[in-house]
Amino acid sequence: LVSSEQIRNLLRIATTLRIPRVVLVGDERQLGAVEAGKPFAQLKAAGQWH
């Protein structure tokens, strides 16, 4: 239930604070966010998935 904008903001803050790794736990098939985006599916498609 998180939007792409919220994930972007989180990663921007982590970069600013020099946090080397952000671990996200979720399901790309979860209910969609009220705002736009499918961040887990987008990160997986971009190869940012481990």
N, C-alpha and C. Protein backbone atom coordinates (compact mmCIF):
# COMPACT_ATOMS: atom_id res chain seq x y z
N LEU A 1 0.81 -1.19 0.00
CA LEU A 1 0.00 0.00 0.00
C LEU A 1 0.85 1.26 0.00
N VAL A 2 2.03 1.15 -0.53
CA VAL A 2 2.93 2.30 -0.59
C VAL A 2 3.04 2.75 -2.05
N SER A 3 3.13 4.04 -2.23
CA SER A 3 3.19 4.57 -3.60
C SER A 3 4.63 4.70 -4.07
N SER A 4 4.79 4.86 -5.36
CA SER A 4 6.12 5.07 -5.93
C SER A 4 6.76 6.34 -5.37
N GLU A 5 5.98 7.37 -5.18
CA GLU A 5 6.50 8.63 -4.64
C GLU A 5 7.03 8.42 -3.21
N GLN A 6 6.32 7.65 -2.41
CA GLN A 6 6.75 7.40 -1.04
C GLN A 6 8.06 6.62 -1.01
N ILE A 7 8.18 5.62 -1.88
CA ILE A 7 9.43 4.85 -1.96
C ILE A 7 10.57 5.76 -2.43
N ARG A 8 10.30 6.60 -3.42
CA ARG A 8 11.32 7.52 -3.92
C ARG A 8 11.80 8.43 -2.79
N ASN A 9 10.87 8.96 -2.01
CA ASN A 9 11.24 9.84 -0.89
C ASN A 9 12.07 9.09 0.15
N LEU A 10 11.68 7.87 0.45
CA LEU A 10 12.44 7.05 1.41
C LEU A 10 13.86 6.83 0.92
N LEU A 11 14.02 6.46 -0.35
CA LEU A 11 15.35 6.21 -0.89
C LEU A 11 16.17 7.48 -0.98
N ARG A 12 15.53 8.60 -1.24
CA ARG A 12 16.24 9.89 -1.28
C ARG A 12 16.77 10.24 0.12
N ILE A 13 15.96 10.02 1.14
CA ILE A 13 16.40 10.27 2.51
C ILE A 13 17.55 9.34 2.88
N ALA A 14 17.43 8.07 2.52
CA ALA A 14 18.50 7.11 2.81
C ALA A 14 19.80 7.52 2.14
N THR A 15 19.72 8.01 0.92
CA THR A 15 20.91 8.47 0.21
C THR A 15 21.51 9.69 0.90
N THR A 16 20.67 10.63 1.27
CA THR A 16 21.13 11.85 1.95
C THR A 16 21.83 11.51 3.26
N LEU A 17 21.29 10.55 3.99
CA LEU A 17 21.86 10.15 5.28
C LEU A 17 22.96 9.10 5.13
N ARG A 18 23.28 8.76 3.89
CA ARG A 18 24.32 7.76 3.57
C ARG A 18 24.04 6.41 4.21
N ILE A 19 22.79 6.03 4.18
CA ILE A 19 22.40 4.70 4.65
C ILE A 19 22.66 3.75 3.49
N PRO A 20 23.55 2.76 3.66
CA PRO A 20 24.00 1.95 2.53
C PRO A 20 22.96 0.97 1.98
N ARG A 21 21.98 0.60 2.79
CA ARG A 21 21.02 -0.41 2.32
C ARG A 21 19.66 -0.16 2.94
N VAL A 22 18.64 -0.28 2.12
CA VAL A 22 17.27 -0.19 2.59
C VAL A 22 16.61 -1.52 2.25
N VAL A 23 16.04 -2.16 3.23
CA VAL A 23 15.37 -3.44 3.02
C VAL A 23 13.87 -3.19 3.01
N LEU A 24 13.24 -3.56 1.91
CA LEU A 24 11.80 -3.41 1.76
C LEU A 24 11.18 -4.79 1.76
N VAL A 25 10.13 -4.97 2.51
CA VAL A 25 9.43 -6.24 2.56
C VAL A 25 8.01 -5.99 2.09
N GLY A 26 7.60 -6.75 1.11
CA GLY A 26 6.26 -6.56 0.59
C GLY A 26 5.93 -7.59 -0.46
N ASP A 27 4.83 -7.40 -1.08
CA ASP A 27 4.32 -8.32 -2.09
C ASP A 27 3.87 -7.50 -3.27
N GLU A 28 4.45 -7.78 -4.44
CA GLU A 28 4.07 -7.01 -5.62
C GLU A 28 2.61 -7.25 -6.01
N ARG A 29 1.99 -8.28 -5.46
CA ARG A 29 0.58 -8.56 -5.76
C ARG A 29 -0.36 -8.02 -4.69
N GLN A 30 0.19 -7.24 -3.76
CA GLN A 30 -0.63 -6.68 -2.68
C GLN A 30 -1.64 -5.68 -3.24
N LEU A 31 -2.53 -5.27 -2.40
CA LEU A 31 -3.47 -4.23 -2.80
C LEU A 31 -2.71 -3.00 -3.23
N GLY A 32 -3.20 -2.33 -4.23
CA GLY A 32 -2.52 -1.15 -4.75
C GLY A 32 -2.60 0.03 -3.80
N ALA A 33 -1.65 0.92 -3.96
CA ALA A 33 -1.64 2.15 -3.18
C ALA A 33 -2.76 3.06 -3.65
N VAL A 34 -3.19 3.93 -2.78
CA VAL A 34 -4.20 4.92 -3.17
C VAL A 34 -3.59 5.85 -4.20
N GLU A 35 -2.32 6.19 -3.99
CA GLU A 35 -1.60 7.03 -4.95
C GLU A 35 -1.03 6.14 -6.06
N ALA A 36 -0.42 6.76 -7.05
CA ALA A 36 0.06 6.04 -8.23
C ALA A 36 1.28 5.18 -7.93
N GLY A 37 1.37 4.09 -8.68
CA GLY A 37 2.59 3.30 -8.69
C GLY A 37 2.45 1.90 -8.13
N LYS A 38 3.39 1.08 -8.57
CA LYS A 38 3.55 -0.29 -8.08
C LYS A 38 5.03 -0.46 -7.76
N PRO A 39 5.49 0.12 -6.65
CA PRO A 39 6.93 0.18 -6.41
C PRO A 39 7.64 -1.17 -6.31
N PHE A 40 7.04 -2.17 -5.71
CA PHE A 40 7.72 -3.46 -5.61
C PHE A 40 7.91 -4.08 -6.99
N ALA A 41 6.89 -4.04 -7.81
CA ALA A 41 7.01 -4.56 -9.17
C ALA A 41 8.01 -3.74 -9.98
N GLN A 42 8.03 -2.42 -9.79
CA GLN A 42 8.96 -1.55 -10.52
C GLN A 42 10.41 -1.83 -10.10
N LEU A 43 10.66 -2.00 -8.81
CA LEU A 43 12.01 -2.30 -8.34
C LEU A 43 12.47 -3.66 -8.86
N LYS A 44 11.58 -4.62 -8.88
CA LYS A 44 11.91 -5.95 -9.39
C LYS A 44 12.25 -5.86 -10.87
N ALA A 45 11.45 -5.13 -11.64
CA ALA A 45 11.69 -4.98 -13.07
C ALA A 45 13.00 -4.25 -13.36
N ALA A 46 13.41 -3.36 -12.45
CA ALA A 46 14.64 -2.60 -12.63
C ALA A 46 15.87 -3.38 -12.16
N GLY A 47 15.66 -4.58 -11.66
CA GLY A 47 16.78 -5.39 -11.19
C GLY A 47 17.26 -5.03 -9.80
N GLN A 48 16.46 -4.29 -9.06
CA GLN A 48 16.82 -3.89 -7.70
C GLN A 48 16.18 -4.84 -6.69
N TRP A 49 16.22 -6.10 -6.99
CA TRP A 49 15.52 -7.10 -6.20
C TRP A 49 16.49 -8.20 -5.82
N HIS A 50 16.54 -8.57 -4.58
CA HIS A 50 17.45 -9.64 -4.14
C HIS A 50 16.68 -10.63 -3.31
